[in-house]
Each structure stands twice: as structure tokens, then as C-alpha cells.
PDB file of N, CA and C in Angstrom:
ATOM      1  N   MET A   1      -6.879   4.048  12.795  1.00  0.00           N
ATOM      2  CA  MET A   1      -6.893   3.440  11.478  1.00  0.00           C
ATOM      3  C   MET A   1      -8.126   2.697  11.230  1.00  0.00           C
ATOM      4  N   THR A   2      -8.865   3.096  10.124  1.00  0.00           N
ATOM      5  CA  THR A   2     -10.258   2.253   9.902  1.00  0.00           C
ATOM      6  C   THR A   2      -9.722   0.946   9.260  1.00  0.00           C
ATOM      7  N   ASN A   3     -10.786   0.273   9.166  1.00  0.00           N
ATOM      8  CA  ASN A   3     -10.505  -1.225   8.793  1.00  0.00           C
ATOM      9  C   ASN A   3     -10.278  -1.284   7.223  1.00  0.00           C
ATOM     10  N   LYS A   4     -10.753  -0.283   6.239  1.00  0.00           N
ATOM     11  CA  LYS A   4     -10.526  -0.021   5.137  1.00  0.00           C
ATOM     12  C   LYS A   4      -8.923   0.271   4.990  1.00  0.00           C
ATOM     13  N   GLU A   5      -8.444   1.288   5.644  1.00  0.00           N
ATOM     14  CA  GLU A   5      -7.098   1.684   5.692  1.00  0.00           C
ATOM     15  C   GLU A   5      -6.117   0.567   5.980  1.00  0.00           C
ATOM     16  N   LEU A   6      -6.555  -0.168   7.009  1.00  0.00           N
ATOM     17  CA  LEU A   6      -5.716  -1.451   7.469  1.00  0.00           C
ATOM     18  C   LEU A   6      -5.644  -2.538   6.263  1.00  0.00           C
ATOM     19  N   LEU A   7      -6.678  -2.787   5.577  1.00  0.00           N
ATOM     20  CA  LEU A   7      -6.577  -3.498   4.527  1.00  0.00           C
ATOM     21  C   LEU A   7      -5.816  -3.048   3.289  1.00  0.00           C
ATOM     22  N   TYR A   8      -5.713  -1.871   3.123  1.00  0.00           N
ATOM     23  CA  TYR A   8      -5.006  -1.280   2.071  1.00  0.00           C
ATOM     24  C   TYR A   8      -3.252  -1.646   2.586  1.00  0.00           C
ATOM     25  N   VAL A   9      -3.227  -1.136   3.785  1.00  0.00           N
ATOM     26  CA  VAL A   9      -1.637  -1.275   4.189  1.00  0.00           C
ATOM     27  C   VAL A   9      -1.278  -2.759   4.206  1.00  0.00           C
ATOM     28  N   GLU A  10      -2.242  -3.528   4.539  1.00  0.00           N
ATOM     29  CA  GLU A  10      -1.843  -5.055   4.564  1.00  0.00           C
ATOM     30  C   GLU A  10      -1.574  -5.488   2.930  1.00  0.00           C
ATOM     31  N   ASP A  11      -2.368  -4.995   1.895  1.00  0.00           N
ATOM     32  CA  ASP A  11      -2.092  -5.180   0.702  1.00  0.00           C
ATOM     33  C   ASP A  11      -0.859  -4.732   0.188  1.00  0.00           C
ATOM     34  N   ALA A  12      -0.571  -3.547   0.515  1.00  0.00           N
ATOM     35  CA  ALA A  12       0.735  -2.886   0.007  1.00  0.00           C
ATOM     36  C   ALA A  12       1.919  -3.792   0.528  1.00  0.00           C
ATOM     37  N   LEU A  13       1.814  -3.977   1.855  1.00  0.00           N
ATOM     38  CA  LEU A  13       2.860  -4.878   2.566  1.00  0.00           C
ATOM     39  C   LEU A  13       3.187  -6.245   1.847  1.00  0.00           C
ATOM     40  N   GLU A  14       1.965  -6.810   1.409  1.00  0.00           N
ATOM     41  CA  GLU A  14       2.089  -8.143   0.556  1.00  0.00           C
ATOM     42  C   GLU A  14       2.874  -7.773  -0.758  1.00  0.00           C
ATOM     43  N   HIS A  15       2.416  -6.744  -1.439  1.00  0.00           N
ATOM     44  CA  HIS A  15       2.968  -6.245  -2.724  1.00  0.00           C
ATOM     45  C   HIS A  15       4.463  -5.836  -2.564  1.00  0.00           C
ATOM     46  N   GLU A  16       4.730  -5.280  -1.603  1.00  0.00           N
ATOM     47  CA  GLU A  16       6.160  -4.819  -1.381  1.00  0.00           C
ATOM     48  C   GLU A  16       7.058  -6.151  -1.128  1.00  0.00           C
ATOM     49  N   ALA A  17       6.478  -7.175  -0.266  1.00  0.00           N
ATOM     50  CA  ALA A  17       7.322  -8.194   0.101  1.00  0.00           C
ATOM     51  C   ALA A  17       7.477  -9.069  -1.189  1.00  0.00           C
ATOM     52  N   TYR A  18       6.456  -9.082  -2.099  1.00  0.00           N
ATOM     53  CA  TYR A  18       6.589 -10.020  -3.327  1.00  0.00           C
ATOM     54  C   TYR A  18       7.591  -9.384  -4.357  1.00  0.00           C
ATOM     55  N   MET A  19       7.666  -8.025  -4.305  1.00  0.00           N
ATOM     56  CA  MET A  19       8.426  -7.263  -5.224  1.00  0.00           C
ATOM     57  C   MET A  19      10.108  -7.474  -4.785  1.00  0.00           C
ATOM     58  N   LYS A  20      10.024  -7.356  -3.227  1.00  0.00           N
ATOM     59  CA  LYS A  20      11.508  -7.542  -2.790  1.00  0.00           C
ATOM     60  C   LYS A  20      11.879  -8.981  -3.128  1.00  0.00           C
ATOM     61  N   ASN A  21      11.044  -9.988  -2.924  1.00  0.00           N
ATOM     62  CA  ASN A  21      11.543 -11.409  -3.361  1.00  0.00           C
ATOM     63  C   ASN A  21      11.852 -11.407  -4.783  1.00  0.00           C
ATOM     64  N   CYS A  22      11.115 -10.904  -5.580  1.00  0.00           N
ATOM     65  CA  CYS A  22      11.432 -11.019  -7.097  1.00  0.00           C
ATOM     66  C   CYS A  22      12.660 -10.313  -7.293  1.00  0.00           C
ATOM     67  N   CYS A  23      12.952  -9.111  -6.870  1.00  0.00           N
ATOM     68  CA  CYS A  23      14.177  -8.386  -7.206  1.00  0.00           C
ATOM     69  C   CYS A  23      15.239  -9.219  -6.741  1.00  0.00           C
ATOM     70  N   LYS A  24      15.262  -9.867  -5.470  1.00  0.00           N
ATOM     71  CA  LYS A  24      16.475 -10.561  -4.988  1.00  0.00           C
ATOM     72  C   LYS A  24      16.696 -11.819  -5.658  1.00  0.00           C
ATOM     73  N   LYS A  25      15.752 -12.416  -5.964  1.00  0.00           N
ATOM     74  CA  LYS A  25      15.813 -13.636  -6.869  1.00  0.00           C
ATOM     75  C   LYS A  25      16.230 -13.299  -8.459  1.00  0.00           C
ATOM     76  N   THR A  26      15.708 -12.268  -8.909  1.00  0.00           N
ATOM     77  CA  THR A  26      16.277 -11.934 -10.259  1.00  0.00           C
ATOM     78  C   THR A  26      17.589 -11.435 -10.168  1.00  0.00           C
ATOM     79  N   SER A  27      18.162 -10.593  -9.367  1.00  0.00           N
ATOM     80  CA  SER A  27      19.360 -10.080  -9.306  1.00  0.00           C
ATOM     81  C   SER A  27      20.580 -11.185  -9.227  1.00  0.00           C
ATOM     82  N   SER A  28      20.245 -12.066  -8.595  1.00  0.00           N
ATOM     83  CA  SER A  28      21.042 -13.335  -8.367  1.00  0.00           C
ATOM     84  C   SER A  28      21.257 -14.022  -9.529  1.00  0.00           C
ATOM     85  N   GLN A  29      20.370 -14.252 -10.562  1.00  0.00           N
ATOM     86  CA  GLN A  29      20.267 -14.783 -11.742  1.00  0.00           C
ATOM     87  C   GLN A  29      20.902 -14.183 -12.938  1.00  0.00           C
ATOM     88  N   LEU A  30      21.184 -12.734 -12.760  1.00  0.00           N
ATOM     89  CA  LEU A  30      21.689 -11.952 -13.872  1.00  0.00           C
ATOM     90  C   LEU A  30      23.003 -12.081 -14.105  1.00  0.00           C
ATOM     91  N   THR A  31      23.391 -12.179 -15.334  1.00  0.00           N
ATOM     92  CA  THR A  31      24.913 -12.055 -15.683  1.00  0.00           C
ATOM     93  C   THR A  31      25.431 -10.547 -16.015  1.00  0.00           C
ATOM     94  N   ASP A  32      24.668  -9.647 -16.375  1.00  0.00           N
ATOM     95  CA  ASP A  32      24.988  -8.431 -16.652  1.00  0.00           C
ATOM     96  C   ASP A  32      25.098  -7.512 -15.497  1.00  0.00           C
ATOM     97  N   PRO A  33      26.374  -7.130 -14.938  1.00  0.00           N
ATOM     98  CA  PRO A  33      26.567  -6.422 -13.810  1.00  0.00           C
ATOM     99  C   PRO A  33      25.852  -5.099 -13.614  1.00  0.00           C
ATOM    100  N   THR A  34      25.548  -4.438 -14.709  1.00  0.00           N
ATOM    101  CA  THR A  34      24.784  -3.220 -14.589  1.00  0.00           C
ATOM    102  C   THR A  34      23.218  -3.418 -14.532  1.00  0.00           C
ATOM    103  N   LEU A  35      22.711  -4.378 -15.126  1.00  0.00           N
ATOM    104  CA  LEU A  35      21.465  -4.568 -14.946  1.00  0.00           C
ATOM    105  C   LEU A  35      21.255  -5.197 -13.460  1.00  0.00           C
ATOM    106  N   SER A  36      22.014  -6.145 -13.147  1.00  0.00           N
ATOM    107  CA  SER A  36      21.967  -6.716 -11.902  1.00  0.00           C
ATOM    108  C   SER A  36      22.162  -5.678 -10.595  1.00  0.00           C
ATOM    109  N   SER A  37      23.082  -4.648 -10.811  1.00  0.00           N
ATOM    110  CA  SER A  37      23.125  -3.537  -9.963  1.00  0.00           C
ATOM    111  C   SER A  37      21.820  -2.695  -9.817  1.00  0.00           C
ATOM    112  N   TYR A  38      21.152  -2.608 -10.904  1.00  0.00           N
ATOM    113  CA  TYR A  38      19.785  -1.643 -11.190  1.00  0.00           C
ATOM    114  C   TYR A  38      18.730  -2.432 -10.215  1.00  0.00           C
ATOM    115  N   ILE A  39      18.770  -3.843 -10.426  1.00  0.00           N
ATOM    116  CA  ILE A  39      17.702  -4.503  -9.670  1.00  0.00           C
ATOM    117  C   ILE A  39      17.844  -4.643  -8.142  1.00  0.00           C
ATOM    118  N   CYS A  40      19.211  -4.645  -7.712  1.00  0.00           N
ATOM    119  CA  CYS A  40      19.633  -4.535  -6.395  1.00  0.00           C
ATOM    120  C   CYS A  40      19.107  -3.011  -5.936  1.00  0.00           C
ATOM    121  N   GLU A  41      19.272  -2.058  -6.638  1.00  0.00           N
ATOM    122  CA  GLU A  41      18.620  -0.795  -6.249  1.00  0.00           C
ATOM    123  C   GLU A  41      17.185  -0.759  -6.271  1.00  0.00           C
ATOM    124  N   LEU A  42      16.543  -1.573  -7.018  1.00  0.00           N
ATOM    125  CA  LEU A  42      15.048  -1.624  -6.846  1.00  0.00           C
ATOM    126  C   LEU A  42      14.618  -2.558  -5.748  1.00  0.00           C
ATOM    127  N   HIS A  43      15.541  -3.414  -5.114  1.00  0.00           N
ATOM    128  CA  HIS A  43      15.407  -4.319  -3.988  1.00  0.00           C
ATOM    129  C   HIS A  43      15.356  -3.333  -3.037  1.00  0.00           C
ATOM    130  N   LYS A  44      16.437  -2.495  -2.770  1.00  0.00           N
ATOM    131  CA  LYS A  44      16.560  -1.498  -1.768  1.00  0.00           C
ATOM    132  C   LYS A  44      15.196  -0.714  -1.606  1.00  0.00           C
ATOM    133  N   LYS A  45      14.772  -0.198  -2.466  1.00  0.00           N
ATOM    134  CA  LYS A  45      13.680   0.681  -2.723  1.00  0.00           C
ATOM    135  C   LYS A  45      12.395  -0.116  -2.184  1.00  0.00           C
ATOM    136  N   HIS A  46      12.288  -1.151  -2.707  1.00  0.00           N
ATOM    137  CA  HIS A  46      11.233  -1.948  -2.236  1.00  0.00           C
ATOM    138  C   HIS A  46      11.038  -2.281  -0.724  1.00  0.00           C
ATOM    139  N   THR A  47      12.370  -2.414  -0.289  1.00  0.00           N
ATOM    140  CA  THR A  47      12.640  -2.687   1.084  1.00  0.00           C
ATOM    141  C   THR A  47      12.080  -1.458   1.831  1.00  0.00           C
ATOM    142  N   ASP A  48      12.829  -0.153   1.589  1.00  0.00           N
ATOM    143  CA  ASP A  48      12.332   0.717   2.283  1.00  0.00           C
ATOM    144  C   ASP A  48      10.907   1.093   2.121  1.00  0.00           C
ATOM    145  N   LEU A  49      10.144   0.894   1.158  1.00  0.00           N
ATOM    146  CA  LEU A  49       8.778   1.101   0.986  1.00  0.00           C
ATOM    147  C   LEU A  49       8.048  -0.032   2.078  1.00  0.00           C
ATOM    148  N   TYR A  50       8.482  -1.172   2.084  1.00  0.00           N
ATOM    149  CA  TYR A  50       7.909  -2.022   2.951  1.00  0.00           C
ATOM    150  C   TYR A  50       8.227  -1.668   4.291  1.00  0.00           C
ATOM    151  N   ASN A  51       9.262  -1.306   4.831  1.00  0.00           N
ATOM    152  CA  ASN A  51       9.483  -0.763   6.124  1.00  0.00           C
ATOM    153  C   ASN A  51       8.633   0.449   6.455  1.00  0.00           C
ATOM    154  N   LYS A  52       8.387   1.297   5.375  1.00  0.00           N
ATOM    155  CA  LYS A  52       7.455   2.495   5.929  1.00  0.00           C
ATOM    156  C   LYS A  52       5.962   1.982   5.794  1.00  0.00           C
ATOM    157  N   PHE A  53       5.512   1.116   5.172  1.00  0.00           N
ATOM    158  CA  PHE A  53       4.168   0.580   5.215  1.00  0.00           C
ATOM    159  C   PHE A  53       4.241   0.078   6.626  1.00  0.00           C
ATOM    160  N   LEU A  54       5.048  -0.851   7.041  1.00  0.00           N
ATOM    161  CA  LEU A  54       5.102  -1.527   8.357  1.00  0.00           C
ATOM    162  C   LEU A  54       5.146  -0.734   9.593  1.00  0.00           C
ATOM    163  N   ASN A  55       5.892   0.490   9.370  1.00  0.00           N
ATOM    164  CA  ASN A  55       5.853   1.538  10.523  1.00  0.00           C
ATOM    165  C   ASN A  55       4.428   2.149  10.613  1.00  0.00           C
ATOM    166  N   LEU A  56       3.535   2.033   9.554  1.00  0.00           N
ATOM    167  CA  LEU A  56       2.272   2.504   9.790  1.00  0.00           C
ATOM    168  C   LEU A  56       1.231   1.785  10.865  1.00  0.00           C
ATOM    169  N   LEU A  57       1.741   0.537  10.918  1.00  0.00           N
ATOM    170  CA  LEU A  57       0.908  -0.417  11.991  1.00  0.00           C
ATOM    171  C   LEU A  57       1.443  -0.077  13.297  1.00  0.00           C
TER     172      LEU A  57
END
């Protein structure tokens, strides 16, 4: 993996970690169960993406 590709993967990991944390925090603050469920699905999606990027390393 080139240095440029490594930097891209690191940036993507940071972004996905941030999105996971935002989704987790937001879902716990919502009172609407439908919206909270949707945000939980987004959390799972970002967790999956995070793991895929991590596996590239």
C-alpha cells in the first residue's frame, strides 16, 4: 500500500469512527422510536464500514 493510500484509509477510519460515535450519541437522545431505530441502523452501517477499512490494514 502506498503512503497516499494509507493516508486515505486513515482518514476514512477517522471519519467512520466519528460517524459511529455521533450515531450512538444521537440515538440515545431521541424520543421517537422510529427515528432512533433508523439512527441505530446507521450506526451499524458505519461500524461495518469502519471494520472494512480496518481490514485493509
